[in-house]
Amino acid sequence: YALQTIHGRAAAVATGLKIVRPELTVWQVSGDGDGL
């Protein structure tokens, strides 16, 4: 399962996914610009 989100929102989307689908292993990947 994979999703490219809008700029800077990967952690927020990953958080929502983990809450509603806690059985999934979630990897959230960002660069230093997108992430910080």
PDB file of all heavy atoms in Angstrom:
ATOM      1  N   TYR A   1       0.866  -1.163   0.000  1.00  0.00           N
ATOM      2  CA  TYR A   1       0.000   0.000   0.000  1.00  0.00           C
ATOM      3  C   TYR A   1       0.913   1.226   0.000  1.00  0.00           C
ATOM      4  O   TYR A   1       1.897   1.271   0.740  1.00  0.00           O
ATOM      5  CB  TYR A   1      -0.885   0.027   1.243  1.00  0.00           C
ATOM      6  CG  TYR A   1      -1.984  -1.001   1.249  1.00  0.00           C
ATOM      7  CD1 TYR A   1      -2.047  -1.966   2.243  1.00  0.00           C
ATOM      8  CD2 TYR A   1      -2.980  -0.993   0.273  1.00  0.00           C
ATOM      9  CE1 TYR A   1      -3.057  -2.915   2.268  1.00  0.00           C
ATOM     10  CE2 TYR A   1      -3.994  -1.932   0.282  1.00  0.00           C
ATOM     11  CZ  TYR A   1      -4.032  -2.887   1.283  1.00  0.00           C
ATOM     12  OH  TYR A   1      -5.031  -3.817   1.298  1.00  0.00           O
ATOM     13  N   ALA A   2       0.583   2.221  -0.804  1.00  0.00           N
ATOM     14  CA  ALA A   2       1.479   3.371  -0.898  1.00  0.00           C
ATOM     15  C   ALA A   2       0.686   4.617  -1.246  1.00  0.00           C
ATOM     16  O   ALA A   2      -0.337   4.546  -1.936  1.00  0.00           O
ATOM     17  CB  ALA A   2       2.567   3.130  -1.943  1.00  0.00           C
ATOM     18  N   LEU A   3       1.163   5.748  -0.744  1.00  0.00           N
ATOM     19  CA  LEU A   3       0.505   7.014  -1.020  1.00  0.00           C
ATOM     20  C   LEU A   3       1.523   8.136  -0.960  1.00  0.00           C
ATOM     21  O   LEU A   3       2.272   8.258   0.012  1.00  0.00           O
ATOM     22  CB  LEU A   3      -0.605   7.274   0.011  1.00  0.00           C
ATOM     23  CG  LEU A   3      -1.366   8.602  -0.119  1.00  0.00           C
ATOM     24  CD1 LEU A   3      -2.159   8.641  -1.431  1.00  0.00           C
ATOM     25  CD2 LEU A   3      -2.301   8.795   1.071  1.00  0.00           C
ATOM     26  N   GLN A   4       1.549   8.944  -2.010  1.00  0.00           N
ATOM     27  CA  GLN A   4       2.325  10.179  -1.981  1.00  0.00           C
ATOM     28  C   GLN A   4       1.378  11.304  -1.591  1.00  0.00           C
ATOM     29  O   GLN A   4       0.398  11.577  -2.279  1.00  0.00           O
ATOM     30  CB  GLN A   4       2.980  10.488  -3.325  1.00  0.00           C
ATOM     31  CG  GLN A   4       3.841  11.740  -3.268  1.00  0.00           C
ATOM     32  CD  GLN A   4       4.532  12.045  -4.595  1.00  0.00           C
ATOM     33  OE1 GLN A   4       4.057  11.694  -5.661  1.00  0.00           O
ATOM     34  NE2 GLN A   4       5.672  12.709  -4.517  1.00  0.00           N
ATOM     35  N   THR A   5       1.653  11.947  -0.469  1.00  0.00           N
ATOM     36  CA  THR A   5       0.751  12.965   0.047  1.00  0.00           C
ATOM     37  C   THR A   5       1.148  14.339  -0.480  1.00  0.00           C
ATOM     38  O   THR A   5       2.076  14.474  -1.276  1.00  0.00           O
ATOM     39  CB  THR A   5       0.801  12.987   1.583  1.00  0.00           C
ATOM     40  OG1 THR A   5       2.062  13.524   2.012  1.00  0.00           O
ATOM     41  CG2 THR A   5       0.655  11.594   2.152  1.00  0.00           C
ATOM     42  N   ILE A   6       0.454  15.367   0.016  1.00  0.00           N
ATOM     43  CA  ILE A   6       0.851  16.735  -0.322  1.00  0.00           C
ATOM     44  C   ILE A   6       2.059  17.122   0.525  1.00  0.00           C
ATOM     45  O   ILE A   6       2.426  16.430   1.475  1.00  0.00           O
ATOM     46  CB  ILE A   6      -0.312  17.720  -0.129  1.00  0.00           C
ATOM     47  CG1 ILE A   6      -0.801  17.707   1.316  1.00  0.00           C
ATOM     48  CG2 ILE A   6      -1.431  17.403  -1.089  1.00  0.00           C
ATOM     49  CD1 ILE A   6      -1.897  18.711   1.600  1.00  0.00           C
ATOM     50  N   HIS A   7       2.659  18.252   0.186  1.00  0.00           N
ATOM     51  CA  HIS A   7       3.937  18.649   0.766  1.00  0.00           C
ATOM     52  C   HIS A   7       3.852  18.793   2.290  1.00  0.00           C
ATOM     53  O   HIS A   7       3.035  19.538   2.820  1.00  0.00           O
ATOM     54  CB  HIS A   7       4.371  19.987   0.158  1.00  0.00           C
ATOM     55  CG  HIS A   7       5.841  20.226   0.244  1.00  0.00           C
ATOM     56  ND1 HIS A   7       6.422  21.452  -0.031  1.00  0.00           N
ATOM     57  CD2 HIS A   7       6.868  19.411   0.568  1.00  0.00           C
ATOM     58  CE1 HIS A   7       7.720  21.377   0.105  1.00  0.00           C
ATOM     59  NE2 HIS A   7       8.020  20.138   0.483  1.00  0.00           N
ATOM     60  N   GLY A   8       4.717  18.042   2.984  1.00  0.00           N
ATOM     61  CA  GLY A   8       4.851  18.174   4.421  1.00  0.00           C
ATOM     62  C   GLY A   8       3.832  17.427   5.250  1.00  0.00           C
ATOM     63  O   GLY A   8       3.865  17.498   6.481  1.00  0.00           O
ATOM     64  N   ARG A   9       2.915  16.698   4.604  1.00  0.00           N
ATOM     65  CA  ARG A   9       1.822  16.081   5.354  1.00  0.00           C
ATOM     66  C   ARG A   9       1.969  14.568   5.500  1.00  0.00           C
ATOM     67  O   ARG A   9       1.042  13.898   5.950  1.00  0.00           O
ATOM     68  CB  ARG A   9       0.479  16.396   4.692  1.00  0.00           C
ATOM     69  CG  ARG A   9       0.197  17.873   4.504  1.00  0.00           C
ATOM     70  CD  ARG A   9       0.248  18.644   5.822  1.00  0.00           C
ATOM     71  NE  ARG A   9      -0.188  20.028   5.660  1.00  0.00           N
ATOM     72  CZ  ARG A   9       0.625  21.056   5.578  1.00  0.00           C
ATOM     73  NH1 ARG A   9       1.941  20.880   5.613  1.00  0.00           N
ATOM     74  NH2 ARG A   9       0.156  22.279   5.453  1.00  0.00           N
ATOM     75  N   ALA A  10       3.123  14.020   5.179  1.00  0.00           N
ATOM     76  CA  ALA A  10       3.288  12.563   5.243  1.00  0.00           C
ATOM     77  C   ALA A  10       3.080  12.029   6.661  1.00  0.00           C
ATOM     78  O   ALA A  10       2.423  11.003   6.864  1.00  0.00           O
ATOM     79  CB  ALA A  10       4.665  12.162   4.723  1.00  0.00           C
ATOM     80  N   ALA A  11       3.625  12.722   7.658  1.00  0.00           N
ATOM     81  CA  ALA A  11       3.490  12.255   9.043  1.00  0.00           C
ATOM     82  C   ALA A  11       2.040  12.300   9.497  1.00  0.00           C
ATOM     83  O   ALA A  11       1.580  11.416  10.238  1.00  0.00           O
ATOM     84  CB  ALA A  11       4.366  13.086   9.967  1.00  0.00           C
ATOM     85  N   ALA A  12       1.296  13.326   9.071  1.00  0.00           N
ATOM     86  CA  ALA A  12      -0.110  13.436   9.452  1.00  0.00           C
ATOM     87  C   ALA A  12      -0.935  12.316   8.836  1.00  0.00           C
ATOM     88  O   ALA A  12      -1.772  11.690   9.505  1.00  0.00           O
ATOM     89  CB  ALA A  12      -0.661  14.799   9.022  1.00  0.00           C
ATOM     90  N   VAL A  13      -0.699  12.041   7.560  1.00  0.00           N
ATOM     91  CA  VAL A  13      -1.430  10.964   6.888  1.00  0.00           C
ATOM     92  C   VAL A  13      -1.055   9.608   7.478  1.00  0.00           C
ATOM     93  O   VAL A  13      -1.917   8.752   7.702  1.00  0.00           O
ATOM     94  CB  VAL A  13      -1.165  11.008   5.369  1.00  0.00           C
ATOM     95  CG1 VAL A  13      -1.761   9.793   4.676  1.00  0.00           C
ATOM     96  CG2 VAL A  13      -1.728  12.291   4.770  1.00  0.00           C
ATOM     97  N   ALA A  14       0.233   9.411   7.744  1.00  0.00           N
ATOM     98  CA  ALA A  14       0.679   8.150   8.343  1.00  0.00           C
ATOM     99  C   ALA A  14       0.048   7.945   9.717  1.00  0.00           C
ATOM    100  O   ALA A  14      -0.319   6.822  10.090  1.00  0.00           O
ATOM    101  CB  ALA A  14       2.204   8.135   8.444  1.00  0.00           C
ATOM    102  N   THR A  15      -0.090   9.037  10.481  1.00  0.00           N
ATOM    103  CA  THR A  15      -0.737   8.957  11.788  1.00  0.00           C
ATOM    104  C   THR A  15      -2.183   8.498  11.653  1.00  0.00           C
ATOM    105  O   THR A  15      -2.639   7.583  12.354  1.00  0.00           O
ATOM    106  CB  THR A  15      -0.690  10.317  12.503  1.00  0.00           C
ATOM    107  OG1 THR A  15       0.670  10.669  12.772  1.00  0.00           O
ATOM    108  CG2 THR A  15      -1.467  10.286  13.813  1.00  0.00           C
ATOM    109  N   GLY A  16      -2.920   9.120  10.733  1.00  0.00           N
ATOM    110  CA  GLY A  16      -4.315   8.738  10.525  1.00  0.00           C
ATOM    111  C   GLY A  16      -4.458   7.297  10.088  1.00  0.00           C
ATOM    112  O   GLY A  16      -5.347   6.572  10.561  1.00  0.00           O
ATOM    113  N   LEU A  17      -3.575   6.865   9.196  1.00  0.00           N
ATOM    114  CA  LEU A  17      -3.628   5.485   8.717  1.00  0.00           C
ATOM    115  C   LEU A  17      -3.381   4.503   9.850  1.00  0.00           C
ATOM    116  O   LEU A  17      -4.088   3.490   9.985  1.00  0.00           O
ATOM    117  CB  LEU A  17      -2.603   5.285   7.605  1.00  0.00           C
ATOM    118  CG  LEU A  17      -2.485   3.861   7.048  1.00  0.00           C
ATOM    119  CD1 LEU A  17      -3.822   3.390   6.469  1.00  0.00           C
ATOM    120  CD2 LEU A  17      -1.385   3.780   5.999  1.00  0.00           C
ATOM    121  N   LYS A  18      -2.394   4.779  10.675  1.00  0.00           N
ATOM    122  CA  LYS A  18      -2.061   3.857  11.769  1.00  0.00           C
ATOM    123  C   LYS A  18      -3.193   3.769  12.779  1.00  0.00           C
ATOM    124  O   LYS A  18      -3.428   2.702  13.369  1.00  0.00           O
ATOM    125  CB  LYS A  18      -0.769   4.300  12.459  1.00  0.00           C
ATOM    126  CG  LYS A  18      -0.257   3.306  13.488  1.00  0.00           C
ATOM    127  CD  LYS A  18       0.113   1.970  12.855  1.00  0.00           C
ATOM    128  CE  LYS A  18       0.604   0.973  13.887  1.00  0.00           C
ATOM    129  NZ  LYS A  18       0.986  -0.326  13.294  1.00  0.00           N
ATOM    130  N   ILE A  19      -3.925   4.853  12.980  1.00  0.00           N
ATOM    131  CA  ILE A  19      -5.032   4.840  13.935  1.00  0.00           C
ATOM    132  C   ILE A  19      -6.179   3.969  13.430  1.00  0.00           C
ATOM    133  O   ILE A  19      -6.748   3.172  14.178  1.00  0.00           O
ATOM    134  CB  ILE A  19      -5.523   6.272  14.214  1.00  0.00           C
ATOM    135  CG1 ILE A  19      -4.458   7.037  15.015  1.00  0.00           C
ATOM    136  CG2 ILE A  19      -6.850   6.266  14.968  1.00  0.00           C
ATOM    137  CD1 ILE A  19      -4.744   8.515  15.145  1.00  0.00           C
ATOM    138  N   VAL A  20      -6.531   4.108  12.152  1.00  0.00           N
ATOM    139  CA  VAL A  20      -7.690   3.365  11.627  1.00  0.00           C
ATOM    140  C   VAL A  20      -7.325   1.959  11.164  1.00  0.00           C
ATOM    141  O   VAL A  20      -8.187   1.090  11.081  1.00  0.00           O
ATOM    142  CB  VAL A  20      -8.379   4.138  10.491  1.00  0.00           C
ATOM    143  CG1 VAL A  20      -8.892   5.468  10.998  1.00  0.00           C
ATOM    144  CG2 VAL A  20      -7.447   4.337   9.300  1.00  0.00           C
ATOM    145  N   ARG A  21      -6.040   1.741  10.859  1.00  0.00           N
ATOM    146  CA  ARG A  21      -5.590   0.404  10.457  1.00  0.00           C
ATOM    147  C   ARG A  21      -4.359   0.020  11.281  1.00  0.00           C
ATOM    148  O   ARG A  21      -3.240  -0.068  10.767  1.00  0.00           O
ATOM    149  CB  ARG A  21      -5.253   0.374   8.958  1.00  0.00           C
ATOM    150  CG  ARG A  21      -6.449   0.533   8.035  1.00  0.00           C
ATOM    151  CD  ARG A  21      -7.380  -0.676   8.077  1.00  0.00           C
ATOM    152  NE  ARG A  21      -6.678  -1.883   7.690  1.00  0.00           N
ATOM    153  CZ  ARG A  21      -6.514  -2.292   6.422  1.00  0.00           C
ATOM    154  NH1 ARG A  21      -7.004  -1.559   5.423  1.00  0.00           N
ATOM    155  NH2 ARG A  21      -5.875  -3.400   6.155  1.00  0.00           N
ATOM    156  N   PRO A  22      -4.538  -0.182  12.599  1.00  0.00           N
ATOM    157  CA  PRO A  22      -3.390  -0.412  13.481  1.00  0.00           C
ATOM    158  C   PRO A  22      -2.607  -1.680  13.164  1.00  0.00           C
ATOM    159  O   PRO A  22      -1.453  -1.810  13.582  1.00  0.00           O
ATOM    160  CB  PRO A  22      -4.039  -0.495  14.874  1.00  0.00           C
ATOM    161  CG  PRO A  22      -5.462  -0.853  14.627  1.00  0.00           C
ATOM    162  CD  PRO A  22      -5.823  -0.205  13.333  1.00  0.00           C
ATOM    163  N   GLU A  23      -3.221  -2.597  12.413  1.00  0.00           N
ATOM    164  CA  GLU A  23      -2.517  -3.842  12.090  1.00  0.00           C
ATOM    165  C   GLU A  23      -1.466  -3.661  10.993  1.00  0.00           C
ATOM    166  O   GLU A  23      -0.613  -4.532  10.793  1.00  0.00           O
ATOM    167  CB  GLU A  23      -3.523  -4.918  11.654  1.00  0.00           C
ATOM    168  CG  GLU A  23      -4.120  -4.745  10.260  1.00  0.00           C
ATOM    169  CD  GLU A  23      -5.262  -3.729  10.200  1.00  0.00           C
ATOM    170  OE1 GLU A  23      -5.503  -3.044  11.208  1.00  0.00           O
ATOM    171  OE2 GLU A  23      -5.884  -3.622   9.121  1.00  0.00           O
ATOM    172  N   LEU A  24      -1.491  -2.533  10.295  1.00  0.00           N
ATOM    173  CA  LEU A  24      -0.526  -2.284   9.218  1.00  0.00           C
ATOM    174  C   LEU A  24       0.812  -1.822   9.776  1.00  0.00           C
ATOM    175  O   LEU A  24       0.878  -1.105  10.772  1.00  0.00           O
ATOM    176  CB  LEU A  24      -1.053  -1.223   8.257  1.00  0.00           C
ATOM    177  CG  LEU A  24      -2.238  -1.585   7.360  1.00  0.00           C
ATOM    178  CD1 LEU A  24      -2.629  -0.372   6.518  1.00  0.00           C
ATOM    179  CD2 LEU A  24      -1.922  -2.775   6.474  1.00  0.00           C
ATOM    180  N   THR A  25       1.882  -2.243   9.113  1.00  0.00           N
ATOM    181  CA  THR A  25       3.204  -1.664   9.360  1.00  0.00           C
ATOM    182  C   THR A  25       3.330  -0.433   8.467  1.00  0.00           C
ATOM    183  O   THR A  25       3.203  -0.541   7.245  1.00  0.00           O
ATOM    184  CB  THR A  25       4.320  -2.663   9.044  1.00  0.00           C
ATOM    185  OG1 THR A  25       4.302  -3.712  10.013  1.00  0.00           O
ATOM    186  CG2 THR A  25       5.686  -1.982   9.074  1.00  0.00           C
ATOM    187  N   VAL A  26       3.555   0.736   9.067  1.00  0.00           N
ATOM    188  CA  VAL A  26       3.550   1.989   8.318  1.00  0.00           C
ATOM    189  C   VAL A  26       4.956   2.590   8.299  1.00  0.00           C
ATOM    190  O   VAL A  26       5.543   2.860   9.350  1.00  0.00           O
ATOM    191  CB  VAL A  26       2.551   3.002   8.922  1.00  0.00           C
ATOM    192  CG1 VAL A  26       2.580   4.310   8.129  1.00  0.00           C
ATOM    193  CG2 VAL A  26       1.146   2.412   8.938  1.00  0.00           C
ATOM    194  N   TRP A  27       5.482   2.790   7.093  1.00  0.00           N
ATOM    195  CA  TRP A  27       6.762   3.474   6.883  1.00  0.00           C
ATOM    196  C   TRP A  27       6.459   4.852   6.311  1.00  0.00           C
ATOM    197  O   TRP A  27       5.800   4.981   5.291  1.00  0.00           O
ATOM    198  CB  TRP A  27       7.642   2.695   5.910  1.00  0.00           C
ATOM    199  CG  TRP A  27       7.995   1.316   6.386  1.00  0.00           C
ATOM    200  CD1 TRP A  27       7.284   0.174   6.169  1.00  0.00           C
ATOM    201  CD2 TRP A  27       9.136   0.944   7.161  1.00  0.00           C
ATOM    202  NE1 TRP A  27       7.921  -0.896   6.764  1.00  0.00           N
ATOM    203  CE2 TRP A  27       9.056  -0.458   7.383  1.00  0.00           C
ATOM    204  CE3 TRP A  27      10.212   1.658   7.683  1.00  0.00           C
ATOM    205  CZ2 TRP A  27      10.014  -1.148   8.107  1.00  0.00           C
ATOM    206  CZ3 TRP A  27      11.178   0.971   8.405  1.00  0.00           C
ATOM    207  CH2 TRP A  27      11.077  -0.421   8.617  1.00  0.00           C
ATOM    208  N   GLN A  28       6.936   5.902   6.983  1.00  0.00           N
ATOM    209  CA  GLN A  28       6.726   7.269   6.517  1.00  0.00           C
ATOM    210  C   GLN A  28       8.084   7.849   6.127  1.00  0.00           C
ATOM    211  O   GLN A  28       9.000   7.929   6.947  1.00  0.00           O
ATOM    212  CB  GLN A  28       6.073   8.105   7.610  1.00  0.00           C
ATOM    213  CG  GLN A  28       5.808   9.550   7.187  1.00  0.00           C
ATOM    214  CD  GLN A  28       6.748  10.534   7.848  1.00  0.00           C
ATOM    215  OE1 GLN A  28       6.863  10.562   9.071  1.00  0.00           O
ATOM    216  NE2 GLN A  28       7.437  11.330   7.040  1.00  0.00           N
ATOM    217  N   VAL A  29       8.214   8.230   4.861  1.00  0.00           N
ATOM    218  CA  VAL A  29       9.509   8.655   4.320  1.00  0.00           C
ATOM    219  C   VAL A  29       9.427  10.106   3.858  1.00  0.00           C
ATOM    220  O   VAL A  29       8.549  10.471   3.063  1.00  0.00           O
ATOM    221  CB  VAL A  29       9.941   7.757   3.150  1.00  0.00           C
ATOM    222  CG1 VAL A  29      11.326   8.161   2.650  1.00  0.00           C
ATOM    223  CG2 VAL A  29       9.933   6.278   3.570  1.00  0.00           C
ATOM    224  N   SER A  30      10.340  10.940   4.355  1.00  0.00           N
ATOM    225  CA  SER A  30      10.404  12.344   3.942  1.00  0.00           C
ATOM    226  C   SER A  30      11.859  12.773   3.798  1.00  0.00           C
ATOM    227  O   SER A  30      12.750  12.194   4.418  1.00  0.00           O
ATOM    228  CB  SER A  30       9.727  13.253   4.975  1.00  0.00           C
ATOM    229  OG  SER A  30       8.331  13.093   4.981  1.00  0.00           O
ATOM    230  N   GLY A  31      12.073  13.802   3.002  1.00  0.00           N
ATOM    231  CA  GLY A  31      13.382  14.436   2.946  1.00  0.00           C
ATOM    232  C   GLY A  31      13.486  15.497   4.031  1.00  0.00           C
ATOM    233  O   GLY A  31      12.528  15.769   4.764  1.00  0.00           O
ATOM    234  N   ASP A  32      14.648  16.131   4.129  1.00  0.00           N
ATOM    235  CA  ASP A  32      14.841  17.149   5.158  1.00  0.00           C
ATOM    236  C   ASP A  32      13.973  18.383   4.908  1.00  0.00           C
ATOM    237  O   ASP A  32      13.569  19.063   5.857  1.00  0.00           O
ATOM    238  CB  ASP A  32      16.318  17.550   5.279  1.00  0.00           C
ATOM    239  CG  ASP A  32      16.987  17.741   3.931  1.00  0.00           C
ATOM    240  OD1 ASP A  32      17.036  16.772   3.160  1.00  0.00           O
ATOM    241  OD2 ASP A  32      17.484  18.846   3.642  1.00  0.00           O
ATOM    242  N   GLY A  33      13.666  18.680   3.654  1.00  0.00           N
ATOM    243  CA  GLY A  33      12.792  19.809   3.365  1.00  0.00           C
ATOM    244  C   GLY A  33      11.342  19.472   3.654  1.00  0.00           C
ATOM    245  O   GLY A  33      10.664  20.143   4.438  1.00  0.00           O
ATOM    246  N   ASP A  34      10.856  18.394   3.072  1.00  0.00           N
ATOM    247  CA  ASP A  34       9.476  17.964   3.268  1.00  0.00           C
ATOM    248  C   ASP A  34       9.196  17.663   4.738  1.00  0.00           C
ATOM    249  O   ASP A  34       8.144  18.017   5.270  1.00  0.00           O
ATOM    250  CB  ASP A  34       9.220  16.709   2.420  1.00  0.00           C
ATOM    251  CG  ASP A  34       7.825  16.153   2.608  1.00  0.00           C
ATOM    252  OD1 ASP A  34       6.872  16.797   2.152  1.00  0.00           O
ATOM    253  OD2 ASP A  34       7.687  15.069   3.208  1.00  0.00           O
ATOM    254  N   GLY A  35      10.153  17.033   5.414  1.00  0.00           N
ATOM    255  CA  GLY A  35       9.920  16.579   6.773  1.00  0.00           C
ATOM    256  C   GLY A  35      10.127  17.628   7.841  1.00  0.00           C
ATOM    257  O   GLY A  35       9.452  17.614   8.872  1.00  0.00           O
ATOM    258  N   LEU A  36      11.056  18.571   7.626  1.00  0.00           N
ATOM    259  CA  LEU A  36      11.423  19.499   8.696  1.00  0.00           C
ATOM    260  C   LEU A  36      11.099  20.957   8.397  1.00  0.00           C
ATOM    261  O   LEU A  36      11.211  21.803   9.281  1.00  0.00           O
ATOM    262  CB  LEU A  36      12.914  19.372   9.009  1.00  0.00           C
ATOM    263  CG  LEU A  36      13.380  18.001   9.493  1.00  0.00           C
ATOM    264  CD1 LEU A  36      14.849  18.043   9.858  1.00  0.00           C
ATOM    265  CD2 LEU A  36      12.543  17.499  10.657  1.00  0.00           C
TER     266      LEU A  36
END
